[in-house]
């Protein structure tokens, strides 16, 4: 049987040749289809079409088409699915959005996979072969990470610089705006460290990105992982939470020795009240500067992500946003406008209060296009957009951003080559 996987992507426009080159070199492949390929019986052939690199041939000879999508990409994924079905192909939809909106997704597919797919995908293929394909597939229990195979990296377009790897799944913190637990669940599961190490040994790329929600949830596990990684001579980035990073000096030391060049931290907001109300219990605003200084002291970069638009933020607090970011002396930033994704407690709460303005999923881009999909509490939509885009222009898309980047690069030389190289790549993706 011939299986076609499709990774739908609306490639963002870039303003420079440098930005386009970086996207080719730095953009890493999702692990989703690599993992499904790994649990697919070997008698089946697999082809992956990633829209970042390939055009879709709707006349492709195949028996079944698998498509994954987040909320933002859902309308585009549905268009792709509809075109394949018009050609008589059997289409399966999965991913974050179909998991929480299965009835909607089913309109465009023959079957919908909800949640993790390693347990259900082989059963789906068997049912399809027997002419007994079901409409919905959902794993009855979380995937056992001790028994999953290594991802099939041979099906993806080779990336010259980076590859993704995952050691854990699940996040127990349940922040009310986060959709990770919709697919991965809220219980932390860990792969055997030997399996992670053996997988990394077989990855040719020098740089790795850990796809884990956070590597600071189980510190004993992470420290043992880092100790084993020392001998691999890889460089990597990973996500971490402020409470652990600011208080555990041994963790930072081991991370540096293991090859960590950058920590991605969800600072989210400068409002402690907002953090408390959304359940971000790992963040204390008063310790933001301290955690950056500690990571820098260990010669690693800090990439901070921020979300603008929490109910507790006002025009007065947002007017200081750029200065507050500058004061942290970060090596890179990611900015977005608060987006209540379907399936999250935030979406349910706002929908109940009639604050959801649209279900046009193409506007659910985390605000990167300036879209606002909910009614702000203390200001108009236009005012929130004005503040958010002002911060965006200050730090990412203006001559002021260029000046800031030059200062950041100069300041980052003390961290060493790899941290500054990594943060330079991250900042370059926005140009």
Foldseek 3Di string as FASTA:
>chain_A
DEEEEEEDDDDDDDDDPLLVVLCQQPPEDDLQVLQLVQLAPPVYHYAYDYVVPDDDDLVDDGAEYEYEDDLLCVVVRLVSLQSNVVVVHAYEYEYLVCQQVVVVVLVSHQAYEHARPSVPSNVQVVCVVVVRHDRYHYDPDADQLQPGAAGNPVNDDDHQAEYEDEFKFAAQQQQQQDRRCRHRNHDIHGYPLVRRLVNLLPDPHQEYEYPYPALQPDQVVSLVSLVSLLVVNHAYEYEHFQQRLLPDLSSLLSCVSSHYAEYEYEQADLDPVLCVVRRVVRDDNVCLLSSQVSNVVSLHAYEYEYEFFGQVDAPVRLVCVLVSVVVSLHLHYHYFYRARGRPGNVVVVQVVVVFFQDSPSNLRPRCPVLRDGGAGNHDGSVSSSVSRVVSCCCCANHVNNVVVNVVSLVVSVSSDDPNSVVSVSVNSNRD
